[in-house]
PDB file of N, CA and C in Angstrom:
ATOM      1  N   UNK A   1     -34.845   5.973  -6.041  1.00  0.00           N
ATOM      2  CA  UNK A   1     -34.112   7.331  -5.462  1.00  0.00           C
ATOM      3  C   UNK A   1     -32.924   7.802  -5.429  1.00  0.00           C
ATOM      4  N   UNK A   2     -32.239   6.248  -4.832  1.00  0.00           N
ATOM      5  CA  UNK A   2     -30.460   6.162  -4.446  1.00  0.00           C
ATOM      6  C   UNK A   2     -30.016   6.315  -5.698  1.00  0.00           C
ATOM      7  N   UNK A   3     -30.403   5.951  -6.750  1.00  0.00           N
ATOM      8  CA  UNK A   3     -29.906   5.639  -8.137  1.00  0.00           C
ATOM      9  C   UNK A   3     -29.884   7.360  -9.055  1.00  0.00           C
ATOM     10  N   UNK A   4     -31.055   7.543  -8.786  1.00  0.00           N
ATOM     11  CA  UNK A   4     -30.721   8.882  -8.985  1.00  0.00           C
ATOM     12  C   UNK A   4     -29.645   9.983  -7.901  1.00  0.00           C
ATOM     13  N   UNK A   5     -29.555   9.690  -6.613  1.00  0.00           N
ATOM     14  CA  UNK A   5     -28.127  10.461  -6.058  1.00  0.00           C
ATOM     15  C   UNK A   5     -27.053  10.022  -6.510  1.00  0.00           C
ATOM     16  N   UNK A   6     -26.992   8.674  -6.864  1.00  0.00           N
ATOM     17  CA  UNK A   6     -25.445   7.861  -7.337  1.00  0.00           C
ATOM     18  C   UNK A   6     -25.338   8.967  -8.630  1.00  0.00           C
ATOM     19  N   UNK A   7     -26.038   8.974  -9.672  1.00  0.00           N
ATOM     20  CA  UNK A   7     -26.093   9.672 -10.927  1.00  0.00           C
ATOM     21  C   UNK A   7     -25.423  10.840 -10.925  1.00  0.00           C
ATOM     22  N   UNK A   8     -26.301  11.787  -9.775  1.00  0.00           N
ATOM     23  CA  UNK A   8     -26.261  13.330  -8.972  1.00  0.00           C
ATOM     24  C   UNK A   8     -24.449  13.483  -8.998  1.00  0.00           C
ATOM     25  N   UNK A   9     -24.042  12.823  -8.092  1.00  0.00           N
ATOM     26  CA  UNK A   9     -23.032  12.361  -7.045  1.00  0.00           C
ATOM     27  C   UNK A   9     -21.875  12.044  -8.579  1.00  0.00           C
ATOM     28  N   UNK A  10     -21.763  11.192  -8.789  1.00  0.00           N
ATOM     29  CA  UNK A  10     -21.412  10.652  -9.574  1.00  0.00           C
ATOM     30  C   UNK A  10     -20.699  12.294 -10.973  1.00  0.00           C
ATOM     31  N   UNK A  11     -21.767  12.824 -11.484  1.00  0.00           N
ATOM     32  CA  UNK A  11     -22.297  14.003 -12.299  1.00  0.00           C
ATOM     33  C   UNK A  11     -20.853  15.277 -12.107  1.00  0.00           C
ATOM     34  N   UNK A  12     -21.181  15.418 -10.469  1.00  0.00           N
ATOM     35  CA  UNK A  12     -20.386  16.079  -9.603  1.00  0.00           C
ATOM     36  C   UNK A  12     -19.177  15.790  -9.552  1.00  0.00           C
ATOM     37  N   UNK A  13     -18.725  14.859  -9.391  1.00  0.00           N
ATOM     38  CA  UNK A  13     -17.339  14.070  -8.801  1.00  0.00           C
ATOM     39  C   UNK A  13     -16.683  14.284 -10.243  1.00  0.00           C
ATOM     40  N   UNK A  14     -17.165  14.437 -11.773  1.00  0.00           N
ATOM     41  CA  UNK A  14     -16.411  14.087 -12.870  1.00  0.00           C
ATOM     42  C   UNK A  14     -16.475  15.503 -13.482  1.00  0.00           C
ATOM     43  N   UNK A  15     -17.425  15.851 -12.954  1.00  0.00           N
ATOM     44  CA  UNK A  15     -17.753  17.958 -13.333  1.00  0.00           C
ATOM     45  C   UNK A  15     -16.190  18.176 -13.718  1.00  0.00           C
ATOM     46  N   UNK A  16     -15.272  18.516 -12.324  1.00  0.00           N
ATOM     47  CA  UNK A  16     -14.458  19.398 -12.296  1.00  0.00           C
ATOM     48  C   UNK A  16     -13.125  18.255 -12.664  1.00  0.00           C
ATOM     49  N   UNK A  17     -13.182  17.406 -13.287  1.00  0.00           N
ATOM     50  CA  UNK A  17     -12.033  16.520 -13.291  1.00  0.00           C
ATOM     51  C   UNK A  17     -10.307  17.019 -14.002  1.00  0.00           C
ATOM     52  N   UNK A  18     -11.131  17.995 -14.802  1.00  0.00           N
ATOM     53  CA  UNK A  18      -9.721  18.397 -15.366  1.00  0.00           C
ATOM     54  C   UNK A  18      -9.499  17.509 -16.977  1.00  0.00           C
ATOM     55  N   UNK A  19     -10.526  16.254 -17.639  1.00  0.00           N
ATOM     56  CA  UNK A  19      -9.693  15.328 -18.226  1.00  0.00           C
ATOM     57  C   UNK A  19     -10.396  16.103 -19.571  1.00  0.00           C
ATOM     58  N   UNK A  20      -9.688  16.565 -20.286  1.00  0.00           N
ATOM     59  CA  UNK A  20      -9.812  16.967 -21.834  1.00  0.00           C
ATOM     60  C   UNK A  20     -10.240  15.856 -23.154  1.00  0.00           C
ATOM     61  N   UNK A  21     -11.357  15.715 -23.596  1.00  0.00           N
ATOM     62  CA  UNK A  21     -11.581  15.261 -24.601  1.00  0.00           C
ATOM     63  C   UNK A  21     -10.944  15.149 -25.823  1.00  0.00           C
ATOM     64  N   UNK A  22     -10.511  14.458 -26.878  1.00  0.00           N
ATOM     65  CA  UNK A  22      -9.292  15.373 -27.662  1.00  0.00           C
ATOM     66  C   UNK A  22     -10.582  14.389 -29.031  1.00  0.00           C
ATOM     67  N   UNK A  23      -9.992  15.364 -29.891  1.00  0.00           N
ATOM     68  CA  UNK A  23     -11.354  15.292 -31.032  1.00  0.00           C
ATOM     69  C   UNK A  23     -13.152  15.711 -30.717  1.00  0.00           C
ATOM     70  N   UNK A  24     -13.666  15.245 -31.400  1.00  0.00           N
ATOM     71  CA  UNK A  24     -14.874  15.602 -31.296  1.00  0.00           C
ATOM     72  C   UNK A  24     -15.886  14.344 -30.167  1.00  0.00           C
ATOM     73  N   UNK A  25     -15.778  14.284 -29.357  1.00  0.00           N
ATOM     74  CA  UNK A  25     -16.980  13.426 -28.307  1.00  0.00           C
ATOM     75  C   UNK A  25     -16.990  13.738 -26.860  1.00  0.00           C
ATOM     76  N   UNK A  26     -18.119  13.071 -26.352  1.00  0.00           N
ATOM     77  CA  UNK A  26     -18.712  14.014 -25.132  1.00  0.00           C
ATOM     78  C   UNK A  26     -17.479  13.650 -23.984  1.00  0.00           C
ATOM     79  N   UNK A  27     -17.644  14.498 -23.136  1.00  0.00           N
ATOM     80  CA  UNK A  27     -17.028  14.418 -21.675  1.00  0.00           C
ATOM     81  C   UNK A  27     -17.105  13.276 -20.947  1.00  0.00           C
ATOM     82  N   UNK A  28     -18.195  13.055 -20.694  1.00  0.00           N
ATOM     83  CA  UNK A  28     -18.675  11.527 -20.430  1.00  0.00           C
ATOM     84  C   UNK A  28     -18.025  10.416 -20.650  1.00  0.00           C
ATOM     85  N   UNK A  29     -17.707  10.267 -22.037  1.00  0.00           N
ATOM     86  CA  UNK A  29     -16.936   9.238 -23.013  1.00  0.00           C
ATOM     87  C   UNK A  29     -15.527   9.402 -22.449  1.00  0.00           C
ATOM     88  N   UNK A  30     -14.873  10.623 -22.206  1.00  0.00           N
ATOM     89  CA  UNK A  30     -13.381  10.511 -22.295  1.00  0.00           C
ATOM     90  C   UNK A  30     -13.310  10.325 -20.850  1.00  0.00           C
ATOM     91  N   UNK A  31     -14.193  10.360 -19.732  1.00  0.00           N
ATOM     92  CA  UNK A  31     -14.069  10.001 -18.252  1.00  0.00           C
ATOM     93  C   UNK A  31     -13.947   8.799 -18.201  1.00  0.00           C
ATOM     94  N   UNK A  32     -14.950   8.212 -18.533  1.00  0.00           N
ATOM     95  CA  UNK A  32     -14.643   6.145 -18.920  1.00  0.00           C
ATOM     96  C   UNK A  32     -13.656   5.824 -19.476  1.00  0.00           C
ATOM     97  N   UNK A  33     -13.576   6.028 -20.442  1.00  0.00           N
ATOM     98  CA  UNK A  33     -12.250   5.866 -20.979  1.00  0.00           C
ATOM     99  C   UNK A  33     -10.846   5.930 -20.017  1.00  0.00           C
ATOM    100  N   UNK A  34     -10.660   6.979 -19.444  1.00  0.00           N
ATOM    101  CA  UNK A  34      -9.875   7.602 -18.885  1.00  0.00           C
ATOM    102  C   UNK A  34      -9.663   6.355 -17.066  1.00  0.00           C
ATOM    103  N   UNK A  35     -10.718   6.378 -16.445  1.00  0.00           N
ATOM    104  CA  UNK A  35     -10.476   5.804 -15.298  1.00  0.00           C
ATOM    105  C   UNK A  35     -11.845   5.088 -15.265  1.00  0.00           C
ATOM    106  N   UNK A  36     -11.616   3.886 -15.933  1.00  0.00           N
ATOM    107  CA  UNK A  36     -12.664   2.849 -16.047  1.00  0.00           C
ATOM    108  C   UNK A  36     -12.919   2.284 -14.266  1.00  0.00           C
ATOM    109  N   UNK A  37     -14.358   2.520 -13.824  1.00  0.00           N
ATOM    110  CA  UNK A  37     -14.982   1.973 -12.950  1.00  0.00           C
ATOM    111  C   UNK A  37     -15.458   0.585 -12.746  1.00  0.00           C
ATOM    112  N   UNK A  38     -15.178  -0.261 -11.535  1.00  0.00           N
ATOM    113  CA  UNK A  38     -15.541  -1.579 -11.247  1.00  0.00           C
ATOM    114  C   UNK A  38     -16.080  -1.119  -9.804  1.00  0.00           C
ATOM    115  N   UNK A  39     -16.958  -1.923  -9.670  1.00  0.00           N
ATOM    116  CA  UNK A  39     -18.088  -1.863  -8.051  1.00  0.00           C
ATOM    117  C   UNK A  39     -17.409  -2.985  -7.394  1.00  0.00           C
ATOM    118  N   UNK A  40     -17.410  -2.663  -6.662  1.00  0.00           N
ATOM    119  CA  UNK A  40     -16.773  -4.199  -5.562  1.00  0.00           C
ATOM    120  C   UNK A  40     -17.081  -5.544  -6.015  1.00  0.00           C
ATOM    121  N   UNK A  41     -18.398  -5.869  -5.939  1.00  0.00           N
ATOM    122  CA  UNK A  41     -19.109  -7.691  -6.187  1.00  0.00           C
ATOM    123  C   UNK A  41     -19.784  -7.611  -7.583  1.00  0.00           C
ATOM    124  N   UNK A  42     -20.067  -6.564  -8.325  1.00  0.00           N
ATOM    125  CA  UNK A  42     -20.760  -6.695  -9.290  1.00  0.00           C
ATOM    126  C   UNK A  42     -20.731  -5.696 -10.134  1.00  0.00           C
ATOM    127  N   UNK A  43     -21.329  -6.434 -11.422  1.00  0.00           N
ATOM    128  CA  UNK A  43     -21.221  -4.994 -12.567  1.00  0.00           C
ATOM    129  C   UNK A  43     -22.260  -4.170 -12.712  1.00  0.00           C
ATOM    130  N   UNK A  44     -22.272  -3.258 -13.448  1.00  0.00           N
ATOM    131  CA  UNK A  44     -23.281  -2.351 -13.697  1.00  0.00           C
ATOM    132  C   UNK A  44     -24.648  -3.132 -14.062  1.00  0.00           C
ATOM    133  N   UNK A  45     -24.236  -4.352 -15.182  1.00  0.00           N
ATOM    134  CA  UNK A  45     -25.912  -4.761 -14.767  1.00  0.00           C
ATOM    135  C   UNK A  45     -26.388  -5.949 -14.092  1.00  0.00           C
ATOM    136  N   UNK A  46     -25.522  -6.085 -12.748  1.00  0.00           N
ATOM    137  CA  UNK A  46     -25.876  -6.793 -11.423  1.00  0.00           C
ATOM    138  C   UNK A  46     -25.613  -8.014 -11.521  1.00  0.00           C
ATOM    139  N   UNK A  47     -24.540  -8.184 -12.905  1.00  0.00           N
ATOM    140  CA  UNK A  47     -24.106  -9.719 -12.860  1.00  0.00           C
ATOM    141  C   UNK A  47     -22.544  -9.757 -11.374  1.00  0.00           C
ATOM    142  N   UNK A  48     -22.666 -10.825 -10.874  1.00  0.00           N
ATOM    143  CA  UNK A  48     -21.137 -10.841 -10.213  1.00  0.00           C
ATOM    144  C   UNK A  48     -20.062 -11.429 -10.503  1.00  0.00           C
ATOM    145  N   UNK A  49     -19.052 -10.455  -9.525  1.00  0.00           N
ATOM    146  CA  UNK A  49     -17.951 -10.753 -10.626  1.00  0.00           C
ATOM    147  C   UNK A  49     -17.041 -11.959  -9.937  1.00  0.00           C
ATOM    148  N   UNK A  50     -16.197 -12.819 -10.562  1.00  0.00           N
ATOM    149  CA  UNK A  50     -15.625 -13.433 -10.132  1.00  0.00           C
ATOM    150  C   UNK A  50     -14.906 -13.107  -9.186  1.00  0.00           C
ATOM    151  N   UNK A  51     -13.912 -14.513  -8.352  1.00  0.00           N
ATOM    152  CA  UNK A  51     -13.144 -13.759  -7.152  1.00  0.00           C
ATOM    153  C   UNK A  51     -11.994 -13.382  -7.453  1.00  0.00           C
ATOM    154  N   UNK A  52     -10.868 -12.107  -6.675  1.00  0.00           N
ATOM    155  CA  UNK A  52     -10.126 -11.849  -7.965  1.00  0.00           C
ATOM    156  C   UNK A  52      -8.919 -13.168  -7.071  1.00  0.00           C
ATOM    157  N   UNK A  53      -7.887 -13.109  -8.175  1.00  0.00           N
ATOM    158  CA  UNK A  53      -6.877 -13.950  -7.832  1.00  0.00           C
ATOM    159  C   UNK A  53      -5.945 -12.933  -6.347  1.00  0.00           C
ATOM    160  N   UNK A  54      -5.948 -14.800  -5.694  1.00  0.00           N
ATOM    161  CA  UNK A  54      -5.234 -14.595  -4.432  1.00  0.00           C
ATOM    162  C   UNK A  54      -3.723 -15.058  -4.396  1.00  0.00           C
ATOM    163  N   UNK A  55      -2.771 -14.121  -4.079  1.00  0.00           N
ATOM    164  CA  UNK A  55      -1.174 -14.473  -3.659  1.00  0.00           C
ATOM    165  C   UNK A  55      -1.142 -14.926  -2.769  1.00  0.00           C
ATOM    166  N   UNK A  56      -0.649 -16.521  -3.020  1.00  0.00           N
ATOM    167  CA  UNK A  56      -0.220 -16.972  -1.230  1.00  0.00           C
ATOM    168  C   UNK A  56       1.206 -16.949  -0.829  1.00  0.00           C
ATOM    169  N   UNK A  57       1.118 -16.540   0.670  1.00  0.00           N
ATOM    170  CA  UNK A  57       2.801 -16.330   0.740  1.00  0.00           C
ATOM    171  C   UNK A  57       2.636 -17.429   2.073  1.00  0.00           C
ATOM    172  N   UNK A  58       3.426 -18.111   1.598  1.00  0.00           N
ATOM    173  CA  UNK A  58       3.752 -19.663   2.528  1.00  0.00           C
ATOM    174  C   UNK A  58       4.944 -19.041   3.603  1.00  0.00           C
ATOM    175  N   UNK A  59       5.095 -20.234   4.289  1.00  0.00           N
ATOM    176  CA  UNK A  59       6.067 -20.026   5.246  1.00  0.00           C
ATOM    177  C   UNK A  59       7.440 -19.712   4.569  1.00  0.00           C
ATOM    178  N   UNK A  60       7.377 -20.676   3.565  1.00  0.00           N
ATOM    179  CA  UNK A  60       8.995 -20.927   3.221  1.00  0.00           C
ATOM    180  C   UNK A  60       9.051 -19.316   2.798  1.00  0.00           C
ATOM    181  N   UNK A  61       8.370 -18.914   1.773  1.00  0.00           N
ATOM    182  CA  UNK A  61       8.343 -17.449   1.354  1.00  0.00           C
ATOM    183  C   UNK A  61       8.220 -16.300   2.458  1.00  0.00           C
ATOM    184  N   UNK A  62       7.936 -16.679   3.193  1.00  0.00           N
ATOM    185  CA  UNK A  62       8.073 -15.324   4.598  1.00  0.00           C
ATOM    186  C   UNK A  62       9.517 -15.699   5.263  1.00  0.00           C
ATOM    187  N   UNK A  63       9.934 -16.868   5.245  1.00  0.00           N
ATOM    188  CA  UNK A  63      11.074 -17.249   6.182  1.00  0.00           C
ATOM    189  C   UNK A  63      12.260 -16.457   5.251  1.00  0.00           C
ATOM    190  N   UNK A  64      12.014 -16.922   3.522  1.00  0.00           N
ATOM    191  CA  UNK A  64      13.004 -16.395   2.914  1.00  0.00           C
ATOM    192  C   UNK A  64      13.037 -14.569   2.583  1.00  0.00           C
ATOM    193  N   UNK A  65      12.340 -13.925   2.939  1.00  0.00           N
ATOM    194  CA  UNK A  65      12.166 -12.587   3.249  1.00  0.00           C
ATOM    195  C   UNK A  65      12.960 -11.998   4.799  1.00  0.00           C
ATOM    196  N   UNK A  66      12.160 -12.975   5.560  1.00  0.00           N
ATOM    197  CA  UNK A  66      12.219 -11.861   7.199  1.00  0.00           C
ATOM    198  C   UNK A  66      14.063 -12.510   7.681  1.00  0.00           C
ATOM    199  N   UNK A  67      14.219 -13.586   7.143  1.00  0.00           N
ATOM    200  CA  UNK A  67      15.752 -14.366   8.156  1.00  0.00           C
ATOM    201  C   UNK A  67      16.753 -13.325   7.268  1.00  0.00           C
ATOM    202  N   UNK A  68      16.850 -12.972   6.327  1.00  0.00           N
ATOM    203  CA  UNK A  68      17.847 -11.805   5.658  1.00  0.00           C
ATOM    204  C   UNK A  68      17.779 -10.795   6.621  1.00  0.00           C
ATOM    205  N   UNK A  69      16.784 -10.228   6.283  1.00  0.00           N
ATOM    206  CA  UNK A  69      16.847  -9.094   6.913  1.00  0.00           C
ATOM    207  C   UNK A  69      16.767  -8.574   8.521  1.00  0.00           C
ATOM    208  N   UNK A  70      16.883 -10.202   9.293  1.00  0.00           N
ATOM    209  CA  UNK A  70      17.104  -9.980  10.485  1.00  0.00           C
ATOM    210  C   UNK A  70      18.282 -10.215  10.447  1.00  0.00           C
ATOM    211  N   UNK A  71      18.535 -10.958  10.152  1.00  0.00           N
ATOM    212  CA  UNK A  71      20.389 -11.263   9.676  1.00  0.00           C
ATOM    213  C   UNK A  71      21.236 -10.109   9.695  1.00  0.00           C
ATOM    214  N   UNK A  72      20.943  -9.360   8.651  1.00  0.00           N
ATOM    215  CA  UNK A  72      20.988  -7.961   8.061  1.00  0.00           C
ATOM    216  C   UNK A  72      21.391  -7.027   9.745  1.00  0.00           C
ATOM    217  N   UNK A  73      19.703  -6.652   9.927  1.00  0.00           N
ATOM    218  CA  UNK A  73      20.057  -5.909  10.998  1.00  0.00           C
ATOM    219  C   UNK A  73      20.426  -6.064  12.189  1.00  0.00           C
ATOM    220  N   UNK A  74      20.921  -7.441  12.489  1.00  0.00           N
ATOM    221  CA  UNK A  74      21.619  -7.834  13.798  1.00  0.00           C
ATOM    222  C   UNK A  74      23.275  -7.257  13.434  1.00  0.00           C
ATOM    223  N   UNK A  75      23.314  -7.636  12.510  1.00  0.00           N
ATOM    224  CA  UNK A  75      25.098  -7.445  12.096  1.00  0.00           C
ATOM    225  C   UNK A  75      25.279  -6.186  12.454  1.00  0.00           C
ATOM    226  N   UNK A  76      24.043  -4.840  11.481  1.00  0.00           N
ATOM    227  CA  UNK A  76      24.541  -3.317  11.479  1.00  0.00           C
ATOM    228  C   UNK A  76      24.506  -2.977  13.210  1.00  0.00           C
ATOM    229  N   UNK A  77      23.635  -3.840  13.856  1.00  0.00           N
ATOM    230  CA  UNK A  77      23.506  -3.169  15.159  1.00  0.00           C
ATOM    231  C   UNK A  77      24.451  -3.700  16.102  1.00  0.00           C
ATOM    232  N   UNK A  78      25.275  -4.765  15.932  1.00  0.00           N
ATOM    233  CA  UNK A  78      26.303  -5.257  16.515  1.00  0.00           C
ATOM    234  C   UNK A  78      27.598  -4.603  16.151  1.00  0.00           C
ATOM    235  N   UNK A  79      27.587  -4.143  14.918  1.00  0.00           N
ATOM    236  CA  UNK A  79      28.978  -3.168  14.408  1.00  0.00           C
ATOM    237  C   UNK A  79      28.813  -1.841  15.286  1.00  0.00           C
ATOM    238  N   UNK A  80      27.367  -1.127  15.422  1.00  0.00           N
ATOM    239  CA  UNK A  80      27.373   0.121  15.882  1.00  0.00           C
ATOM    240  C   UNK A  80      27.130   0.360  17.357  1.00  0.00           C
ATOM    241  N   UNK A  81      27.157  -0.816  17.970  1.00  0.00           N
ATOM    242  CA  UNK A  81      27.581  -0.764  19.435  1.00  0.00           C
ATOM    243  C   UNK A  81      29.322  -1.284  19.695  1.00  0.00           C
ATOM    244  N   UNK A  82      29.654  -2.034  18.828  1.00  0.00           N
ATOM    245  CA  UNK A  82      31.025  -2.277  18.581  1.00  0.00           C
ATOM    246  C   UNK A  82      31.874  -0.453  18.480  1.00  0.00           C
ATOM    247  N   UNK A  83      31.474  -0.393  17.831  1.00  0.00           N
ATOM    248  CA  UNK A  83      31.782   1.617  17.301  1.00  0.00           C
ATOM    249  C   UNK A  83      31.282   2.265  18.770  1.00  0.00           C
ATOM    250  N   UNK A  84      30.392   2.359  19.232  1.00  0.00           N
ATOM    251  CA  UNK A  84      30.633   3.268  20.094  1.00  0.00           C
ATOM    252  C   UNK A  84      31.137   3.129  21.096  1.00  0.00           C
ATOM    253  N   UNK A  85      31.210   1.342  21.676  1.00  0.00           N
ATOM    254  CA  UNK A  85      32.365   1.020  22.520  1.00  0.00           C
ATOM    255  C   UNK A  85      33.585   1.562  22.756  1.00  0.00           C
ATOM    256  N   UNK A  86      34.213   1.666  21.278  1.00  0.00           N
ATOM    257  CA  UNK A  86      35.584   1.954  21.100  1.00  0.00           C
ATOM    258  C   UNK A  86      35.746   3.089  20.653  1.00  0.00           C
ATOM    259  N   UNK A  87      34.566   4.200  20.736  1.00  0.00           N
ATOM    260  CA  UNK A  87      34.766   5.448  20.985  1.00  0.00           C
ATOM    261  C   UNK A  87      34.312   6.175  22.224  1.00  0.00           C
ATOM    262  N   UNK A  88      34.398   5.144  23.093  1.00  0.00           N
ATOM    263  CA  UNK A  88      34.030   5.342  24.486  1.00  0.00           C
ATOM    264  C   UNK A  88      32.832   6.016  24.539  1.00  0.00           C
ATOM    265  N   UNK A  89      31.866   6.547  23.702  1.00  0.00           N
ATOM    266  CA  UNK A  89      30.816   7.205  23.709  1.00  0.00           C
ATOM    267  C   UNK A  89      29.611   6.425  24.508  1.00  0.00           C
ATOM    268  N   UNK A  90      28.769   5.214  24.723  1.00  0.00           N
ATOM    269  CA  UNK A  90      28.456   4.471  25.664  1.00  0.00           C
ATOM    270  C   UNK A  90      28.914   3.483  25.907  1.00  0.00           C
ATOM    271  N   UNK A  91      29.947   2.941  26.841  1.00  0.00           N
ATOM    272  CA  UNK A  91      29.948   1.977  27.402  1.00  0.00           C
ATOM    273  C   UNK A  91      29.317   1.465  28.675  1.00  0.00           C
ATOM    274  N   UNK A  92      28.959   0.594  28.997  1.00  0.00           N
ATOM    275  CA  UNK A  92      28.316   0.592  30.611  1.00  0.00           C
ATOM    276  C   UNK A  92      29.118   0.523  31.481  1.00  0.00           C
ATOM    277  N   UNK A  93      28.648   0.652  32.441  1.00  0.00           N
ATOM    278  CA  UNK A  93      29.612   1.067  33.643  1.00  0.00           C
ATOM    279  C   UNK A  93      29.308  -0.400  34.279  1.00  0.00           C
ATOM    280  N   UNK A  94      30.188  -0.614  35.112  1.00  0.00           N
ATOM    281  CA  UNK A  94      30.241  -1.962  35.908  1.00  0.00           C
ATOM    282  C   UNK A  94      30.078  -1.776  37.346  1.00  0.00           C
ATOM    283  N   UNK A  95      28.924  -1.641  37.685  1.00  0.00           N
ATOM    284  CA  UNK A  95      28.657  -1.158  39.600  1.00  0.00           C
ATOM    285  C   UNK A  95      28.760  -2.746  39.681  1.00  0.00           C
ATOM    286  N   UNK A  96      28.811  -2.768  41.054  1.00  0.00           N
ATOM    287  CA  UNK A  96      28.524  -3.793  41.797  1.00  0.00           C
ATOM    288  C   UNK A  96      28.125  -4.150  42.954  1.00  0.00           C
ATOM    289  N   UNK A  97      27.134  -4.230  43.337  1.00  0.00           N
ATOM    290  CA  UNK A  97      26.452  -3.593  44.316  1.00  0.00           C
ATOM    291  C   UNK A  97      26.135  -4.975  45.268  1.00  0.00           C
ATOM    292  N   UNK A  98      27.092  -5.075  46.169  1.00  0.00           N
ATOM    293  CA  UNK A  98      27.751  -6.246  46.819  1.00  0.00           C
ATOM    294  C   UNK A  98      26.894  -5.626  48.241  1.00  0.00           C
ATOM    295  N   UNK A  99      26.313  -5.444  48.638  1.00  0.00           N
ATOM    296  CA  UNK A  99      25.957  -4.699  50.043  1.00  0.00           C
ATOM    297  C   UNK A  99      25.632  -5.805  51.035  1.00  0.00           C
TER     298      UNK A  99
END
């Protein structure tokens, strides 16, 4: 029952995709060539797929990426704050509350 529902949903999903086959051939083969399907953990025959390759990001790689961007962001904000203070757009007031 579940496989019939799955086939029916696939049929409706691929019915109006607009994929046209060139030459003589069925539209089902054109759909399979255009967008191959892969289930999450198994093939259509039921075989379990191997684990996908995992790219590890170590502490060194993370540091190489994060530190330069933090430094550049700090320089930009420092220069912008100096520009605002130079044009008297934002100057903190010196309030002495010695009550």
